[in-house]
Amino acid sequence: MQFIKRSLLICMISLLACQVSARDCSYLLVNGSSNWYPLVWRDDDGHAAGVLYDLLSEASKNIKIPIRIQDDIPWKRQLIDLNTGRLDIVAGMFKTPHRVNSYSFSSSLYFSNLRIFLTRENRHRVKQLDDLVALKGGAVRGLSLGKKLDDYAFNNLVIEDLSNSNSLFKMLASGRLDYGIFHELSGLNIVNSSYKDSIVSIDIGLSGQSVHMAYSKVSKCLGHIGKFRAEIERLIDTGVASQTVDSVIDLIGDKGEE
C-alpha cells in the first residue's frame, strides 16, 4: 500500500514537472486577484479585467511578447505557481519581506489604501483601531495588512479568514461580522453595487501599501520576463504607468464614500 502511495506521488510530481517543461516561451502566463477592482478582477463569467492587465498588454505590444491570462485559481495557488515557475507574472501584489525571498518585484505602481467596512448601525462604534478589539472582524484570505497591522491583528483582534470578498460583505451585511477590512476602492465598488443602504466605510488611519508586478524567479522563460521587467520599469519611469492607473482611479473617484 505504501509503495502504491509513493508511486502515485512520484507520478503527480512528474506530471507537474512535465506541465512546466512542456510549455514553450512563445508567451508569458499571467494572473492576478479575482476581486481587486479596478486593478485586477474577474467578472461573473470569470473573465479577467483591470488596469494592471491593461498595463501588461501595453508592455506586451511594445516588446512583442504575447501574454496569456491563466484560468481563475485561488490566490494561494497563484503564489505557489509563481514560486515554482508554472506562472510567470502576477499583476498586483503587495511587497513584503517574506515575498521578496520568493519573487522579483517591479517598482511601485499604485498605493492601495485599506478601509474598515461596517453596517450603518455600527458605524459609531469604531473611532480608532483599539475599538476593534471587542468586535469580530473578517478579511479576505491572503490579504496583507502591512507588517505593523498584521502584528497588531495577530495579537489583539479576532479576524475570520474568508475565501473571497463576496463572502466578506455577505457576512457583514447579515450581521455575522461586526466589521471587515478590505481595499478601499474595491470595497466601495461592492458597496455601491449591492450594499449601498446597509454598509459604509470609515477611515481610521489604517496603513496602505504600494502595489507591484511580481515575477517568477524560476520560470523557464526568465529571458522574456527580464524584457517585461525592463519595459514595465520604462513605463513607470516615463509616467505612462501612473497615467494608465490614475486615469481609471480618477473615473471612480470617491463614489459612495461616507
C-alpha atoms as a PDB file:
ATOM      1  CA  MET A   1       0.000   0.000   0.000  1.00  0.00           C
ATOM      2  CA  GLN A   2       2.830   2.393   0.904  1.00  0.00           C
ATOM      3  CA  PHE A   3       4.514   1.504  -2.399  1.00  0.00           C
ATOM      4  CA  ILE A   4       1.351   2.405  -4.322  1.00  0.00           C
ATOM      5  CA  LYS A   5       1.004   5.754  -2.495  1.00  0.00           C
ATOM      6  CA  ARG A   6       4.665   6.535  -3.124  1.00  0.00           C
ATOM      7  CA  SER A   7       4.308   5.638  -6.807  1.00  0.00           C
ATOM      8  CA  LEU A   8       1.242   7.862  -7.181  1.00  0.00           C
ATOM      9  CA  LEU A   9       3.071  10.757  -5.535  1.00  0.00           C
ATOM     10  CA  ILE A  10       6.032  10.347  -7.878  1.00  0.00           C
ATOM     11  CA  CYS A  11       3.658  10.294 -10.850  1.00  0.00           C
ATOM     12  CA  MET A  12       1.933  13.501  -9.705  1.00  0.00           C
ATOM     13  CA  ILE A  13       5.246  15.298  -9.228  1.00  0.00           C
ATOM     14  CA  SER A  14       6.451  14.073 -12.617  1.00  0.00           C
ATOM     15  CA  LEU A  15       3.228  15.261 -14.253  1.00  0.00           C
ATOM     16  CA  LEU A  16       3.617  18.755 -12.757  1.00  0.00           C
ATOM     17  CA  ALA A  17       7.224  18.871 -13.900  1.00  0.00           C
ATOM     18  CA  CYS A  18       6.173  17.870 -17.402  1.00  0.00           C
ATOM     19  CA  GLN A  19       3.500  20.579 -17.460  1.00  0.00           C
ATOM     20  CA  VAL A  20       6.129  23.191 -16.643  1.00  0.00           C
ATOM     21  CA  SER A  21       8.689  21.899 -19.133  1.00  0.00           C
ATOM     22  CA  ALA A  22       6.116  21.301 -21.889  1.00  0.00           C
ATOM     23  CA  ARG A  23       5.172  24.960 -22.182  1.00  0.00           C
ATOM     24  CA  ASP A  24       7.390  26.875 -24.564  1.00  0.00           C
ATOM     25  CA  CYS A  25       8.226  30.556 -24.172  1.00  0.00           C
ATOM     26  CA  SER A  26       6.164  31.837 -27.082  1.00  0.00           C
ATOM     27  CA  TYR A  27       4.080  33.661 -24.449  1.00  0.00           C
ATOM     28  CA  LEU A  28       4.138  34.519 -20.750  1.00  0.00           C
ATOM     29  CA  LEU A  29       1.444  33.287 -18.379  1.00  0.00           C
ATOM     30  CA  VAL A  30      -0.032  35.926 -16.052  1.00  0.00           C
ATOM     31  CA  ASN A  31      -2.702  36.086 -13.363  1.00  0.00           C
ATOM     32  CA  GLY A  32      -3.917  38.289 -10.537  1.00  0.00           C
ATOM     33  CA  SER A  33      -6.515  38.694  -7.832  1.00  0.00           C
ATOM     34  CA  SER A  34     -10.127  37.968  -8.752  1.00  0.00           C
ATOM     35  CA  ASN A  35     -11.536  40.798  -6.581  1.00  0.00           C
ATOM     36  CA  TRP A  36      -9.177  43.797  -6.537  1.00  0.00           C
ATOM     37  CA  TYR A  37     -11.226  46.267  -8.568  1.00  0.00           C
ATOM     38  CA  PRO A  38     -10.171  48.339 -10.502  1.00  0.00           C
ATOM     39  CA  LEU A  39      -6.619  46.953 -10.555  1.00  0.00           C
ATOM     40  CA  VAL A  40      -7.349  43.299 -11.359  1.00  0.00           C
ATOM     41  CA  TRP A  41     -10.565  41.325 -11.036  1.00  0.00           C
ATOM     42  CA  ARG A  42     -12.857  38.727 -12.631  1.00  0.00           C
ATOM     43  CA  ASP A  43     -16.416  39.355 -13.725  1.00  0.00           C
ATOM     44  CA  ASP A  44     -19.319  36.987 -13.009  1.00  0.00           C
ATOM     45  CA  ASP A  45     -18.332  34.875 -16.028  1.00  0.00           C
ATOM     46  CA  GLY A  46     -14.730  34.570 -14.874  1.00  0.00           C
ATOM     47  CA  HIS A  47     -13.308  36.965 -17.474  1.00  0.00           C
ATOM     48  CA  ALA A  48     -10.229  38.859 -16.315  1.00  0.00           C
ATOM     49  CA  ALA A  49     -10.136  42.656 -16.406  1.00  0.00           C
ATOM     50  CA  GLY A  50      -8.322  45.528 -14.772  1.00  0.00           C
ATOM     51  CA  VAL A  51      -5.942  48.397 -15.323  1.00  0.00           C
ATOM     52  CA  LEU A  52      -2.874  46.300 -14.437  1.00  0.00           C
ATOM     53  CA  TYR A  53      -3.760  43.817 -17.169  1.00  0.00           C
ATOM     54  CA  ASP A  54      -4.045  46.832 -19.488  1.00  0.00           C
ATOM     55  CA  LEU A  55      -0.543  47.856 -18.484  1.00  0.00           C
ATOM     56  CA  LEU A  56       0.810  44.361 -19.133  1.00  0.00           C
ATOM     57  CA  SER A  57      -0.910  44.371 -22.522  1.00  0.00           C
ATOM     58  CA  GLU A  58       0.779  47.679 -23.361  1.00  0.00           C
ATOM     59  CA  ALA A  59       4.164  46.257 -22.417  1.00  0.00           C
ATOM     60  CA  SER A  60       3.414  43.084 -24.388  1.00  0.00           C
ATOM     61  CA  LYS A  61       2.614  45.114 -27.503  1.00  0.00           C
ATOM     62  CA  ASN A  62       5.760  47.215 -27.152  1.00  0.00           C
ATOM     63  CA  ILE A  63       8.194  44.304 -26.795  1.00  0.00           C
ATOM     64  CA  LYS A  64       6.206  41.893 -28.998  1.00  0.00           C
ATOM     65  CA  ILE A  65       5.995  39.112 -26.413  1.00  0.00           C
ATOM     66  CA  PRO A  66       2.424  37.780 -26.052  1.00  0.00           C
ATOM     67  CA  ILE A  67       0.772  37.166 -22.685  1.00  0.00           C
ATOM     68  CA  ARG A  68      -1.962  34.743 -21.725  1.00  0.00           C
ATOM     69  CA  ILE A  69      -4.112  35.058 -18.628  1.00  0.00           C
ATOM     70  CA  GLN A  70      -4.222  31.901 -16.556  1.00  0.00           C
ATOM     71  CA  ASP A  71      -7.556  30.421 -15.520  1.00  0.00           C
ATOM     72  CA  ASP A  72      -9.024  31.789 -12.308  1.00  0.00           C
ATOM     73  CA  ILE A  73      -7.448  29.916  -9.410  1.00  0.00           C
ATOM     74  CA  PRO A  74      -7.194  30.682  -5.664  1.00  0.00           C
ATOM     75  CA  TRP A  75      -4.688  33.340  -4.612  1.00  0.00           C
ATOM     76  CA  LYS A  76      -2.524  30.932  -2.621  1.00  0.00           C
ATOM     77  CA  ARG A  77      -2.320  28.626  -5.644  1.00  0.00           C
ATOM     78  CA  GLN A  78      -1.132  31.582  -7.724  1.00  0.00           C
ATOM     79  CA  LEU A  79       1.661  32.220  -5.229  1.00  0.00           C
ATOM     80  CA  ILE A  80       2.686  28.556  -5.413  1.00  0.00           C
ATOM     81  CA  ASP A  81       2.625  28.608  -9.233  1.00  0.00           C
ATOM     82  CA  LEU A  82       4.710  31.796  -9.315  1.00  0.00           C
ATOM     83  CA  ASN A  83       7.201  30.277  -6.893  1.00  0.00           C
ATOM     84  CA  THR A  84       7.536  27.073  -8.932  1.00  0.00           C
ATOM     85  CA  GLY A  85       7.626  28.680 -12.377  1.00  0.00           C
ATOM     86  CA  ARG A  86       4.241  27.486 -13.623  1.00  0.00           C
ATOM     87  CA  LEU A  87       3.178  31.154 -13.616  1.00  0.00           C
ATOM     88  CA  ASP A  88       5.387  33.971 -14.909  1.00  0.00           C
ATOM     89  CA  ILE A  89       3.794  37.200 -13.649  1.00  0.00           C
ATOM     90  CA  VAL A  90       1.219  38.157 -11.035  1.00  0.00           C
ATOM     91  CA  ALA A  91      -0.362  41.530 -11.765  1.00  0.00           C
ATOM     92  CA  GLY A  92      -0.766  43.347  -8.459  1.00  0.00           C
ATOM     93  CA  MET A  93       0.901  42.208  -5.254  1.00  0.00           C
ATOM     94  CA  PHE A  94       1.999  43.813  -2.001  1.00  0.00           C
ATOM     95  CA  LYS A  95       5.749  43.579  -1.486  1.00  0.00           C
ATOM     96  CA  THR A  96       6.610  42.022   1.877  1.00  0.00           C
ATOM     97  CA  PRO A  97       9.970  40.861   3.286  1.00  0.00           C
ATOM     98  CA  HIS A  98       8.834  37.242   3.040  1.00  0.00           C
ATOM     99  CA  ARG A  99       7.705  37.575  -0.575  1.00  0.00           C
ATOM    100  CA  VAL A 100      10.942  39.284  -1.653  1.00  0.00           C
ATOM    101  CA  ASN A 101      12.707  35.993  -0.928  1.00  0.00           C
ATOM    102  CA  SER A 102      10.452  34.173  -3.395  1.00  0.00           C
ATOM    103  CA  TYR A 103       9.623  36.652  -6.170  1.00  0.00           C
ATOM    104  CA  SER A 104      11.045  39.641  -8.022  1.00  0.00           C
ATOM    105  CA  PHE A 105       9.093  42.896  -7.969  1.00  0.00           C
ATOM    106  CA  SER A 106       8.604  45.965 -10.123  1.00  0.00           C
ATOM    107  CA  SER A 107       8.803  49.464  -8.752  1.00  0.00           C
ATOM    108  CA  SER A 108       5.615  50.778  -7.167  1.00  0.00           C
ATOM    109  CA  LEU A 109       2.627  51.095  -9.494  1.00  0.00           C
ATOM    110  CA  TYR A 110      -0.023  52.360  -7.090  1.00  0.00           C
ATOM    111  CA  PHE A 111      -0.595  52.937  -3.381  1.00  0.00           C
ATOM    112  CA  SER A 112      -3.589  50.972  -2.142  1.00  0.00           C
ATOM    113  CA  ASN A 113      -5.438  52.124   0.975  1.00  0.00           C
ATOM    114  CA  LEU A 114      -7.254  49.826   3.356  1.00  0.00           C
ATOM    115  CA  ARG A 115     -10.590  50.708   4.923  1.00  0.00           C
ATOM    116  CA  ILE A 116     -12.881  49.421   7.639  1.00  0.00           C
ATOM    117  CA  PHE A 117     -16.333  48.425   6.346  1.00  0.00           C
ATOM    118  CA  LEU A 118     -19.245  48.014   8.738  1.00  0.00           C
ATOM    119  CA  THR A 119     -23.016  48.298   8.873  1.00  0.00           C
ATOM    120  CA  ARG A 120     -24.594  51.710   9.257  1.00  0.00           C
ATOM    121  CA  GLU A 121     -25.843  50.682  12.699  1.00  0.00           C
ATOM    122  CA  ASN A 122     -22.273  50.020  13.871  1.00  0.00           C
ATOM    123  CA  ARG A 123     -20.542  52.985  12.271  1.00  0.00           C
ATOM    124  CA  HIS A 124     -20.316  54.964  15.510  1.00  0.00           C
ATOM    125  CA  ARG A 125     -18.803  52.056  17.449  1.00  0.00           C
ATOM    126  CA  VAL A 126     -15.421  52.419  15.751  1.00  0.00           C
ATOM    127  CA  LYS A 127     -13.355  55.594  16.006  1.00  0.00           C
ATOM    128  CA  GLN A 128      -9.866  54.131  16.302  1.00  0.00           C
ATOM    129  CA  LEU A 129      -8.013  50.841  15.888  1.00  0.00           C
ATOM    130  CA  ASP A 130      -8.385  49.824  19.539  1.00  0.00           C
ATOM    131  CA  ASP A 131     -12.179  49.887  19.164  1.00  0.00           C
ATOM    132  CA  LEU A 132     -11.920  46.757  17.015  1.00  0.00           C
ATOM    133  CA  VAL A 133     -10.588  44.647  19.883  1.00  0.00           C
ATOM    134  CA  ALA A 134     -14.031  43.828  21.296  1.00  0.00           C
ATOM    135  CA  LEU A 135     -15.544  43.163  17.857  1.00  0.00           C
ATOM    136  CA  LYS A 136     -15.479  40.254  15.411  1.00  0.00           C
ATOM    137  CA  GLY A 137     -13.944  41.092  12.052  1.00  0.00           C
ATOM    138  CA  GLY A 138     -13.209  39.490   8.728  1.00  0.00           C
ATOM    139  CA  ALA A 139     -10.701  39.795   5.914  1.00  0.00           C
ATOM    140  CA  VAL A 140     -10.132  38.026   2.609  1.00  0.00           C
ATOM    141  CA  ARG A 141      -7.618  35.196   2.851  1.00  0.00           C
ATOM    142  CA  GLY A 142      -4.133  36.255   1.793  1.00  0.00           C
ATOM    143  CA  LEU A 143      -4.757  39.985   2.276  1.00  0.00           C
ATOM    144  CA  SER A 144      -1.609  41.568   3.684  1.00  0.00           C
ATOM    145  CA  LEU A 145      -2.399  44.354   6.119  1.00  0.00           C
ATOM    146  CA  GLY A 146       1.202  45.520   6.361  1.00  0.00           C
ATOM    147  CA  LYS A 147       3.622  44.263   8.998  1.00  0.00           C
ATOM    148  CA  LYS A 148       2.551  46.676  11.749  1.00  0.00           C
ATOM    149  CA  LEU A 149      -1.172  45.992  11.342  1.00  0.00           C
ATOM    150  CA  ASP A 150      -0.621  42.265  10.757  1.00  0.00           C
ATOM    151  CA  ASP A 151       1.250  42.078  14.068  1.00  0.00           C
ATOM    152  CA  TYR A 152      -1.432  44.110  15.868  1.00  0.00           C
ATOM    153  CA  ALA A 153      -4.219  41.973  14.401  1.00  0.00           C
ATOM    154  CA  PHE A 154      -2.446  38.747  15.345  1.00  0.00           C
ATOM    155  CA  ASN A 155      -2.043  39.846  18.945  1.00  0.00           C
ATOM    156  CA  ASN A 156      -5.288  41.744  19.551  1.00  0.00           C
ATOM    157  CA  LEU A 157      -8.034  41.138  17.001  1.00  0.00           C
ATOM    158  CA  VAL A 158     -10.432  38.335  16.105  1.00  0.00           C
ATOM    159  CA  ILE A 159     -10.441  38.278  12.308  1.00  0.00           C
ATOM    160  CA  GLU A 160     -12.104  35.469  10.379  1.00  0.00           C
ATOM    161  CA  ASP A 161     -10.247  34.295   7.272  1.00  0.00           C
ATOM    162  CA  LEU A 162     -12.661  34.330   4.284  1.00  0.00           C
ATOM    163  CA  SER A 163     -12.218  32.916   0.802  1.00  0.00           C
ATOM    164  CA  ASN A 164     -13.362  35.971  -1.182  1.00  0.00           C
ATOM    165  CA  SER A 165     -14.844  39.459  -0.964  1.00  0.00           C
ATOM    166  CA  ASN A 166     -18.392  38.251  -1.691  1.00  0.00           C
ATOM    167  CA  SER A 167     -18.327  36.147   1.461  1.00  0.00           C
ATOM    168  CA  LEU A 168     -16.875  39.045   3.446  1.00  0.00           C
ATOM    169  CA  PHE A 169     -19.608  41.518   2.531  1.00  0.00           C
ATOM    170  CA  LYS A 170     -22.446  38.991   2.757  1.00  0.00           C
ATOM    171  CA  MET A 171     -21.420  38.055   6.299  1.00  0.00           C
ATOM    172  CA  LEU A 172     -21.020  41.712   7.183  1.00  0.00           C
ATOM    173  CA  ALA A 173     -24.466  42.637   5.860  1.00  0.00           C
ATOM    174  CA  SER A 174     -26.095  39.696   7.653  1.00  0.00           C
ATOM    175  CA  GLY A 175     -24.579  40.687  10.996  1.00  0.00           C
ATOM    176  CA  ARG A 176     -22.315  37.630  11.285  1.00  0.00           C
ATOM    177  CA  LEU A 177     -19.338  40.020  11.312  1.00  0.00           C
ATOM    178  CA  ASP A 178     -19.052  43.381  13.044  1.00  0.00           C
ATOM    179  CA  TYR A 179     -16.557  44.784  10.544  1.00  0.00           C
ATOM    180  CA  GLY A 180     -14.452  43.883   7.535  1.00  0.00           C
ATOM    181  CA  ILE A 181     -11.045  45.073   6.335  1.00  0.00           C
ATOM    182  CA  PHE A 182     -10.659  45.427   2.587  1.00  0.00           C
ATOM    183  CA  HIS A 183      -9.154  47.516  -0.219  1.00  0.00           C
ATOM    184  CA  GLU A 184     -10.768  50.952  -0.309  1.00  0.00           C
ATOM    185  CA  LEU A 185     -11.829  51.246  -3.961  1.00  0.00           C
ATOM    186  CA  SER A 186     -12.708  47.571  -4.361  1.00  0.00           C
ATOM    187  CA  GLY A 187     -14.851  47.687  -1.251  1.00  0.00           C
ATOM    188  CA  LEU A 188     -16.597  50.903  -2.256  1.00  0.00           C
ATOM    189  CA  ASN A 189     -17.409  49.353  -5.628  1.00  0.00           C
ATOM    190  CA  ILE A 190     -19.028  46.337  -3.941  1.00  0.00           C
ATOM    191  CA  VAL A 191     -20.935  48.570  -1.522  1.00  0.00           C
ATOM    192  CA  ASN A 192     -22.228  50.798  -4.331  1.00  0.00           C
ATOM    193  CA  SER A 193     -23.328  47.762  -6.325  1.00  0.00           C
ATOM    194  CA  SER A 194     -25.045  45.715  -3.642  1.00  0.00           C
ATOM    195  CA  TYR A 195     -24.988  47.212  -0.140  1.00  0.00           C
ATOM    196  CA  LYS A 196     -25.385  50.957  -0.508  1.00  0.00           C
ATOM    197  CA  ASP A 197     -28.191  51.145   2.054  1.00  0.00           C
ATOM    198  CA  SER A 198     -26.599  48.909   4.673  1.00  0.00           C
ATOM    199  CA  ILE A 199     -22.776  49.152   4.663  1.00  0.00           C
ATOM    200  CA  VAL A 200     -20.441  52.136   4.947  1.00  0.00           C
ATOM    201  CA  SER A 201     -16.678  52.597   5.014  1.00  0.00           C
ATOM    202  CA  ILE A 202     -14.712  54.574   7.571  1.00  0.00           C
ATOM    203  CA  ASP A 203     -11.120  55.771   7.676  1.00  0.00           C
ATOM    204  CA  ILE A 204      -9.326  55.158  10.979  1.00  0.00           C
ATOM    205  CA  GLY A 205      -5.852  55.629   9.557  1.00  0.00           C
ATOM    206  CA  LEU A 206      -5.057  52.067   8.509  1.00  0.00           C
ATOM    207  CA  SER A 207      -1.759  51.960   6.652  1.00  0.00           C
ATOM    208  CA  GLY A 208      -1.861  51.342   2.927  1.00  0.00           C
ATOM    209  CA  GLN A 209       0.763  49.606   0.829  1.00  0.00           C
ATOM    210  CA  SER A 210       2.343  50.031  -2.574  1.00  0.00           C
ATOM    211  CA  VAL A 211       1.260  47.671  -5.353  1.00  0.00           C
ATOM    212  CA  HIS A 212       3.756  45.945  -7.668  1.00  0.00           C
ATOM    213  CA  MET A 213       4.056  43.478 -10.500  1.00  0.00           C
ATOM    214  CA  ALA A 214       5.533  40.223  -9.184  1.00  0.00           C
ATOM    215  CA  TYR A 215       7.731  37.991 -11.348  1.00  0.00           C
ATOM    216  CA  SER A 216       8.783  34.370 -11.046  1.00  0.00           C
ATOM    217  CA  LYS A 217      12.437  33.792 -10.220  1.00  0.00           C
ATOM    218  CA  VAL A 218      12.463  30.231 -11.564  1.00  0.00           C
ATOM    219  CA  SER A 219      10.363  30.319 -14.742  1.00  0.00           C
ATOM    220  CA  LYS A 220      11.987  28.731 -17.773  1.00  0.00           C
ATOM    221  CA  CYS A 221      11.121  31.987 -19.578  1.00  0.00           C
ATOM    222  CA  LEU A 222      13.360  34.253 -17.488  1.00  0.00           C
ATOM    223  CA  GLY A 223      14.726  35.914 -20.632  1.00  0.00           C
ATOM    224  CA  HIS A 224      11.258  37.104 -21.633  1.00  0.00           C
ATOM    225  CA  ILE A 225      10.453  38.047 -18.041  1.00  0.00           C
ATOM    226  CA  GLY A 226      13.591  40.196 -17.983  1.00  0.00           C
ATOM    227  CA  LYS A 227      12.395  42.066 -21.076  1.00  0.00           C
ATOM    228  CA  PHE A 228       8.968  42.539 -19.486  1.00  0.00           C
ATOM    229  CA  ARG A 229      10.519  43.854 -16.289  1.00  0.00           C
ATOM    230  CA  ALA A 230      12.609  46.350 -18.231  1.00  0.00           C
ATOM    231  CA  GLU A 231       9.597  47.546 -20.229  1.00  0.00           C
ATOM    232  CA  ILE A 232       7.385  47.911 -17.151  1.00  0.00           C
ATOM    233  CA  GLU A 233      10.141  49.964 -15.488  1.00  0.00           C
ATOM    234  CA  ARG A 234      10.371  52.133 -18.612  1.00  0.00           C
ATOM    235  CA  LEU A 235       6.616  52.718 -18.484  1.00  0.00           C
ATOM    236  CA  ILE A 236       6.930  53.629 -14.804  1.00  0.00           C
ATOM    237  CA  ASP A 237       9.901  55.965 -15.359  1.00  0.00           C
ATOM    238  CA  THR A 238       8.230  57.787 -18.252  1.00  0.00           C
ATOM    239  CA  GLY A 239       4.969  58.265 -16.353  1.00  0.00           C
ATOM    240  CA  VAL A 240       2.911  56.071 -18.678  1.00  0.00           C
ATOM    241  CA  ALA A 241       2.153  53.564 -15.917  1.00  0.00           C
ATOM    242  CA  SER A 242       0.891  56.192 -13.475  1.00  0.00           C
ATOM    243  CA  GLN A 243      -1.203  57.841 -16.191  1.00  0.00           C
ATOM    244  CA  THR A 244      -2.744  54.477 -17.092  1.00  0.00           C
ATOM    245  CA  VAL A 245      -3.598  53.648 -13.474  1.00  0.00           C
ATOM    246  CA  ASP A 246      -4.626  57.159 -12.417  1.00  0.00           C
ATOM    247  CA  SER A 247      -6.958  57.599 -15.399  1.00  0.00           C
ATOM    248  CA  VAL A 248      -9.071  54.704 -14.131  1.00  0.00           C
ATOM    249  CA  ILE A 249      -8.814  55.654 -10.457  1.00  0.00           C
ATOM    250  CA  ASP A 250      -9.914  59.218 -11.210  1.00  0.00           C
ATOM    251  CA  LEU A 251     -13.027  57.964 -13.005  1.00  0.00           C
ATOM    252  CA  ILE A 252     -14.056  56.101  -9.873  1.00  0.00           C
ATOM    253  CA  GLY A 253     -13.314  58.944  -7.514  1.00  0.00           C
ATOM    254  CA  ASP A 254     -14.870  58.799  -4.082  1.00  0.00           C
ATOM    255  CA  LYS A 255     -18.279  57.423  -5.039  1.00  0.00           C
ATOM    256  CA  GLY A 256     -20.143  56.040  -2.103  1.00  0.00           C
ATOM    257  CA  GLU A 257     -17.647  57.200   0.496  1.00  0.00           C
ATOM    258  CA  GLU A 258     -19.039  58.263   3.841  1.00  0.00           C
END
